[in-house]
Amino acid sequence: MAQISLIGMEFHAYHGVYPEEKLVGGKFIVDITIETDTTKAGDEDDLAKTLNYESIHQICKGVMQSPMDLLEAVILNIKDELQIHFTKMDALRIKITKKNPPLSGIVEAATIEDEWDFVKDCGRCGKPLTCYNNEYCWCNNLQIPTVTLTRINEQFGTKCLCSSCMSDYVKIEQL
């Protein structure tokens, strides 16, 4: 598994709960690390088969331009946008640093960091799969009849199925 990281992305943004922060803004540093399989991209020397870090930067820039009160909200918005654009993230770590936060003393920075592991085991075959377990997951694009989804839920509960098992299960159900 490879890690694609963008470290030290600097943005002038207007996040904060105080009116002055929304008026004057401040300096923010964003660090992103994504774990993903880059084997095909490396073998074929093909940018389309990896996570383009220019796109990662543009996503972060777009989120940073929308003022929010809390850095916790900023981090979740970045995560959500990355999930919309990239379906093959196995893990994600985001760190946001707010330089010189407006406190009653000298503080160099306030930081929030969060991470997510999107690798789960298939409920049918046990092989690892990437699952966001939300509306951005790959399986939401599948056209599966309601009766089949009901049977899958009855048999596997909240466990996800890999694309191969999901395909096999849907074929079995259609017989």
C-alpha atoms as a PDB file:
ATOM      1  CA  MET A   1       0.000   0.000   0.000  1.00  0.00           C
ATOM      2  CA  ALA A   2       1.320   3.408  -0.957  1.00  0.00           C
ATOM      3  CA  GLN A   3       0.815   6.722   0.771  1.00  0.00           C
ATOM      4  CA  ILE A   4       0.099   9.850  -1.239  1.00  0.00           C
ATOM      5  CA  SER A   5       0.666  12.934   0.898  1.00  0.00           C
ATOM      6  CA  LEU A   6       0.405  16.675   0.492  1.00  0.00           C
ATOM      7  CA  ILE A   7       2.116  18.327   3.435  1.00  0.00           C
ATOM      8  CA  GLY A   8       2.060  22.007   4.317  1.00  0.00           C
ATOM      9  CA  MET A   9      -0.675  23.293   2.005  1.00  0.00           C
ATOM     10  CA  GLU A  10      -1.113  26.923   3.075  1.00  0.00           C
ATOM     11  CA  PHE A  11      -4.403  28.773   2.803  1.00  0.00           C
ATOM     12  CA  HIS A  12      -5.696  32.139   3.964  1.00  0.00           C
ATOM     13  CA  ALA A  13      -9.190  31.323   5.199  1.00  0.00           C
ATOM     14  CA  TYR A  14     -11.980  32.685   7.382  1.00  0.00           C
ATOM     15  CA  HIS A  15     -12.738  29.837   9.776  1.00  0.00           C
ATOM     16  CA  GLY A  16     -13.534  30.587  13.407  1.00  0.00           C
ATOM     17  CA  VAL A  17     -16.309  31.450  15.820  1.00  0.00           C
ATOM     18  CA  TYR A  18     -15.311  35.078  16.437  1.00  0.00           C
ATOM     19  CA  PRO A  19     -16.476  37.855  14.082  1.00  0.00           C
ATOM     20  CA  GLU A  20     -12.856  39.085  13.698  1.00  0.00           C
ATOM     21  CA  GLU A  21     -11.792  35.663  12.371  1.00  0.00           C
ATOM     22  CA  LYS A  22     -14.497  35.794   9.742  1.00  0.00           C
ATOM     23  CA  LEU A  23     -13.552  39.355   8.807  1.00  0.00           C
ATOM     24  CA  VAL A  24      -9.737  39.237   8.831  1.00  0.00           C
ATOM     25  CA  GLY A  25      -9.141  35.526   8.380  1.00  0.00           C
ATOM     26  CA  GLY A  26      -5.956  33.699   9.187  1.00  0.00           C
ATOM     27  CA  LYS A  27      -3.301  31.294   8.013  1.00  0.00           C
ATOM     28  CA  PHE A  28      -4.131  27.582   7.919  1.00  0.00           C
ATOM     29  CA  ILE A  29      -1.902  24.635   7.083  1.00  0.00           C
ATOM     30  CA  VAL A  30      -3.484  21.413   5.762  1.00  0.00           C
ATOM     31  CA  ASP A  31      -1.721  18.040   5.628  1.00  0.00           C
ATOM     32  CA  ILE A  32      -3.333  15.099   3.824  1.00  0.00           C
ATOM     33  CA  THR A  33      -2.149  11.481   3.655  1.00  0.00           C
ATOM     34  CA  ILE A  34      -4.098   8.911   1.660  1.00  0.00           C
ATOM     35  CA  GLU A  35      -3.295   5.207   1.568  1.00  0.00           C
ATOM     36  CA  THR A  36      -4.146   3.540  -1.718  1.00  0.00           C
ATOM     37  CA  ASP A  37      -2.943   0.892  -4.130  1.00  0.00           C
ATOM     38  CA  THR A  38      -0.767   2.539  -6.799  1.00  0.00           C
ATOM     39  CA  THR A  39       0.422  -0.661  -8.482  1.00  0.00           C
ATOM     40  CA  LYS A  40      -1.541  -0.190 -11.731  1.00  0.00           C
ATOM     41  CA  ALA A  41      -0.587   3.477 -11.976  1.00  0.00           C
ATOM     42  CA  GLY A  42       3.088   2.623 -11.543  1.00  0.00           C
ATOM     43  CA  ASP A  43       3.042  -0.373 -13.877  1.00  0.00           C
ATOM     44  CA  GLU A  44       1.280   1.552 -16.632  1.00  0.00           C
ATOM     45  CA  ASP A  45       2.705   5.012 -15.845  1.00  0.00           C
ATOM     46  CA  ASP A  46      -0.877   6.305 -16.004  1.00  0.00           C
ATOM     47  CA  LEU A  47      -2.064   9.300 -13.970  1.00  0.00           C
ATOM     48  CA  ALA A  48      -5.702   8.249 -14.445  1.00  0.00           C
ATOM     49  CA  LYS A  49      -5.044   5.128 -12.337  1.00  0.00           C
ATOM     50  CA  THR A  50      -3.905   6.950  -9.222  1.00  0.00           C
ATOM     51  CA  LEU A  51      -5.076   9.781  -6.965  1.00  0.00           C
ATOM     52  CA  ASN A  52      -3.933  12.972  -8.633  1.00  0.00           C
ATOM     53  CA  TYR A  53      -2.454  15.212  -5.944  1.00  0.00           C
ATOM     54  CA  GLU A  54      -3.359  18.293  -7.981  1.00  0.00           C
ATOM     55  CA  SER A  55      -7.000  17.260  -7.555  1.00  0.00           C
ATOM     56  CA  ILE A  56      -6.444  16.676  -3.839  1.00  0.00           C
ATOM     57  CA  HIS A  57      -5.072  20.224  -3.540  1.00  0.00           C
ATOM     58  CA  GLN A  58      -8.004  21.703  -5.472  1.00  0.00           C
ATOM     59  CA  ILE A  59     -10.488  19.882  -3.227  1.00  0.00           C
ATOM     60  CA  CYS A  60      -8.783  21.226  -0.095  1.00  0.00           C
ATOM     61  CA  LYS A  61      -8.616  24.722  -1.571  1.00  0.00           C
ATOM     62  CA  GLY A  62     -12.339  24.643  -2.375  1.00  0.00           C
ATOM     63  CA  VAL A  63     -13.308  23.563   1.145  1.00  0.00           C
ATOM     64  CA  MET A  64     -10.972  26.093   2.755  1.00  0.00           C
ATOM     65  CA  GLN A  65     -12.687  28.905   0.800  1.00  0.00           C
ATOM     66  CA  SER A  66     -16.025  28.213   2.533  1.00  0.00           C
ATOM     67  CA  PRO A  67     -15.962  29.768   6.030  1.00  0.00           C
ATOM     68  CA  MET A  68     -16.958  27.479   8.897  1.00  0.00           C
ATOM     69  CA  ASP A  69     -16.958  27.976  12.637  1.00  0.00           C
ATOM     70  CA  LEU A  70     -15.090  24.816  13.630  1.00  0.00           C
ATOM     71  CA  LEU A  71     -12.017  23.070  12.258  1.00  0.00           C
ATOM     72  CA  GLU A  72     -13.860  19.831  13.014  1.00  0.00           C
ATOM     73  CA  ALA A  73     -16.397  20.799  10.344  1.00  0.00           C
ATOM     74  CA  VAL A  74     -13.620  21.736   7.904  1.00  0.00           C
ATOM     75  CA  ILE A  75     -11.942  18.341   8.326  1.00  0.00           C
ATOM     76  CA  LEU A  76     -15.219  16.450   7.757  1.00  0.00           C
ATOM     77  CA  ASN A  77     -15.989  18.524   4.661  1.00  0.00           C
ATOM     78  CA  ILE A  78     -12.554  17.761   3.203  1.00  0.00           C
ATOM     79  CA  LYS A  79     -13.085  14.038   3.937  1.00  0.00           C
ATOM     80  CA  ASP A  80     -16.517  14.094   2.290  1.00  0.00           C
ATOM     81  CA  GLU A  81     -15.224  15.858  -0.828  1.00  0.00           C
ATOM     82  CA  LEU A  82     -12.298  13.437  -1.142  1.00  0.00           C
ATOM     83  CA  GLN A  83     -14.717  10.493  -0.860  1.00  0.00           C
ATOM     84  CA  ILE A  84     -16.884  11.929  -3.635  1.00  0.00           C
ATOM     85  CA  HIS A  85     -13.896  12.220  -5.984  1.00  0.00           C
ATOM     86  CA  PHE A  86     -11.830   9.159  -5.031  1.00  0.00           C
ATOM     87  CA  THR A  87     -13.397   5.720  -4.558  1.00  0.00           C
ATOM     88  CA  LYS A  88     -10.150   3.857  -3.860  1.00  0.00           C
ATOM     89  CA  MET A  89      -8.896   5.403  -0.604  1.00  0.00           C
ATOM     90  CA  ASP A  90      -7.992   2.664   1.884  1.00  0.00           C
ATOM     91  CA  ALA A  91      -7.167   5.121   4.674  1.00  0.00           C
ATOM     92  CA  LEU A  92      -7.156   8.885   5.097  1.00  0.00           C
ATOM     93  CA  ARG A  93      -5.444  11.210   7.569  1.00  0.00           C
ATOM     94  CA  ILE A  94      -6.128  14.958   7.671  1.00  0.00           C
ATOM     95  CA  LYS A  95      -4.424  17.513   9.876  1.00  0.00           C
ATOM     96  CA  ILE A  96      -5.379  21.195   9.969  1.00  0.00           C
ATOM     97  CA  THR A  97      -3.270  23.757  11.771  1.00  0.00           C
ATOM     98  CA  LYS A  98      -4.590  27.231  12.541  1.00  0.00           C
ATOM     99  CA  LYS A  99      -1.662  29.608  12.991  1.00  0.00           C
ATOM    100  CA  ASN A 100      -1.818  32.211  15.790  1.00  0.00           C
ATOM    101  CA  PRO A 101      -5.348  31.481  17.042  1.00  0.00           C
ATOM    102  CA  PRO A 102      -7.005  34.407  18.862  1.00  0.00           C
ATOM    103  CA  LEU A 103      -6.496  33.370  22.477  1.00  0.00           C
ATOM    104  CA  SER A 104      -5.675  35.347  25.616  1.00  0.00           C
ATOM    105  CA  GLY A 105      -1.981  34.529  25.290  1.00  0.00           C
ATOM    106  CA  ILE A 106       0.641  33.765  22.690  1.00  0.00           C
ATOM    107  CA  VAL A 107      -0.103  30.447  20.998  1.00  0.00           C
ATOM    108  CA  GLU A 108       1.757  29.444  17.858  1.00  0.00           C
ATOM    109  CA  ALA A 109      -0.955  27.156  16.516  1.00  0.00           C
ATOM    110  CA  ALA A 110      -4.054  25.101  17.213  1.00  0.00           C
ATOM    111  CA  THR A 111      -4.268  21.741  15.461  1.00  0.00           C
ATOM    112  CA  ILE A 112      -6.900  19.134  14.812  1.00  0.00           C
ATOM    113  CA  GLU A 113      -6.152  15.777  13.232  1.00  0.00           C
ATOM    114  CA  ASP A 114      -8.418  12.888  12.325  1.00  0.00           C
ATOM    115  CA  GLU A 115      -8.036   9.631  10.452  1.00  0.00           C
ATOM    116  CA  TRP A 116     -10.238   6.991   8.891  1.00  0.00           C
ATOM    117  CA  ASP A 117      -9.622   3.396   7.846  1.00  0.00           C
ATOM    118  CA  PHE A 118     -11.905   2.349   4.991  1.00  0.00           C
ATOM    119  CA  VAL A 119     -10.684  -1.266   4.640  1.00  0.00           C
ATOM    120  CA  LYS A 120     -13.156  -3.889   5.785  1.00  0.00           C
ATOM    121  CA  ASP A 121     -13.494  -7.626   5.235  1.00  0.00           C
ATOM    122  CA  CYS A 122     -16.123  -8.909   2.819  1.00  0.00           C
ATOM    123  CA  GLY A 123     -19.014 -10.455   4.741  1.00  0.00           C
ATOM    124  CA  ARG A 124     -19.172 -13.350   2.290  1.00  0.00           C
ATOM    125  CA  CYS A 125     -15.596 -14.280   1.269  1.00  0.00           C
ATOM    126  CA  GLY A 126     -13.574 -12.447   3.941  1.00  0.00           C
ATOM    127  CA  LYS A 127     -11.287 -10.670   1.467  1.00  0.00           C
ATOM    128  CA  PRO A 128     -10.410  -7.030   2.201  1.00  0.00           C
ATOM    129  CA  LEU A 129     -12.386  -4.331   0.402  1.00  0.00           C
ATOM    130  CA  THR A 130     -12.597  -0.558   0.446  1.00  0.00           C
ATOM    131  CA  CYS A 131     -15.887   0.644   1.904  1.00  0.00           C
ATOM    132  CA  TYR A 132     -16.811   4.210   2.888  1.00  0.00           C
ATOM    133  CA  ASN A 133     -20.049   2.973   4.496  1.00  0.00           C
ATOM    134  CA  ASN A 134     -21.865   6.122   3.389  1.00  0.00           C
ATOM    135  CA  GLU A 135     -23.538   7.634   0.330  1.00  0.00           C
ATOM    136  CA  TYR A 136     -20.142   7.983  -1.428  1.00  0.00           C
ATOM    137  CA  CYS A 137     -19.370   4.246  -1.375  1.00  0.00           C
ATOM    138  CA  TRP A 138     -18.925   2.399  -4.692  1.00  0.00           C
ATOM    139  CA  CYS A 139     -21.844   0.075  -3.995  1.00  0.00           C
ATOM    140  CA  ASN A 140     -24.371   2.928  -4.070  1.00  0.00           C
ATOM    141  CA  ASN A 141     -23.932   3.106  -7.854  1.00  0.00           C
ATOM    142  CA  LEU A 142     -25.221  -0.447  -8.284  1.00  0.00           C
ATOM    143  CA  GLN A 143     -28.727  -1.156  -9.556  1.00  0.00           C
ATOM    144  CA  ILE A 144     -29.806  -3.860  -7.099  1.00  0.00           C
ATOM    145  CA  PRO A 145     -33.470  -4.816  -6.729  1.00  0.00           C
ATOM    146  CA  THR A 146     -34.962  -4.051  -3.314  1.00  0.00           C
ATOM    147  CA  VAL A 147     -35.823  -7.707  -2.688  1.00  0.00           C
ATOM    148  CA  THR A 148     -32.174  -8.661  -3.300  1.00  0.00           C
ATOM    149  CA  LEU A 149     -30.924  -5.919  -0.944  1.00  0.00           C
ATOM    150  CA  THR A 150     -33.331  -7.178   1.711  1.00  0.00           C
ATOM    151  CA  ARG A 151     -31.976 -10.729   1.373  1.00  0.00           C
ATOM    152  CA  ILE A 152     -28.370  -9.498   1.490  1.00  0.00           C
ATOM    153  CA  ASN A 153     -29.151  -7.539   4.673  1.00  0.00           C
ATOM    154  CA  GLU A 154     -30.878 -10.560   6.223  1.00  0.00           C
ATOM    155  CA  GLN A 155     -27.922 -12.824   5.450  1.00  0.00           C
ATOM    156  CA  PHE A 156     -24.969 -10.483   6.084  1.00  0.00           C
ATOM    157  CA  GLY A 157     -26.400  -7.758   8.335  1.00  0.00           C
ATOM    158  CA  THR A 158     -24.253  -4.639   8.314  1.00  0.00           C
ATOM    159  CA  LYS A 159     -21.267  -6.401   6.729  1.00  0.00           C
ATOM    160  CA  CYS A 160     -20.310  -5.166   3.276  1.00  0.00           C
ATOM    161  CA  LEU A 161     -19.696  -7.393   0.281  1.00  0.00           C
ATOM    162  CA  CYS A 162     -16.852  -6.992  -2.197  1.00  0.00           C
ATOM    163  CA  SER A 163     -17.716  -6.273  -5.835  1.00  0.00           C
ATOM    164  CA  SER A 164     -17.073  -9.890  -6.851  1.00  0.00           C
ATOM    165  CA  CYS A 165     -19.352 -11.354  -4.171  1.00  0.00           C
ATOM    166  CA  MET A 166     -21.996  -8.691  -4.748  1.00  0.00           C
ATOM    167  CA  SER A 167     -21.967  -9.540  -8.457  1.00  0.00           C
ATOM    168  CA  ASP A 168     -22.201 -13.293  -7.719  1.00  0.00           C
ATOM    169  CA  TYR A 169     -24.993 -12.759  -5.204  1.00  0.00           C
ATOM    170  CA  VAL A 170     -27.039 -10.632  -7.582  1.00  0.00           C
ATOM    171  CA  LYS A 171     -26.598 -13.299 -10.335  1.00  0.00           C
ATOM    172  CA  ILE A 172     -27.682 -16.052  -7.911  1.00  0.00           C
ATOM    173  CA  GLU A 173     -30.747 -14.058  -6.879  1.00  0.00           C
ATOM    174  CA  GLN A 174     -31.762 -13.538 -10.514  1.00  0.00           C
ATOM    175  CA  LEU A 175     -31.836 -17.285 -11.242  1.00  0.00           C
END
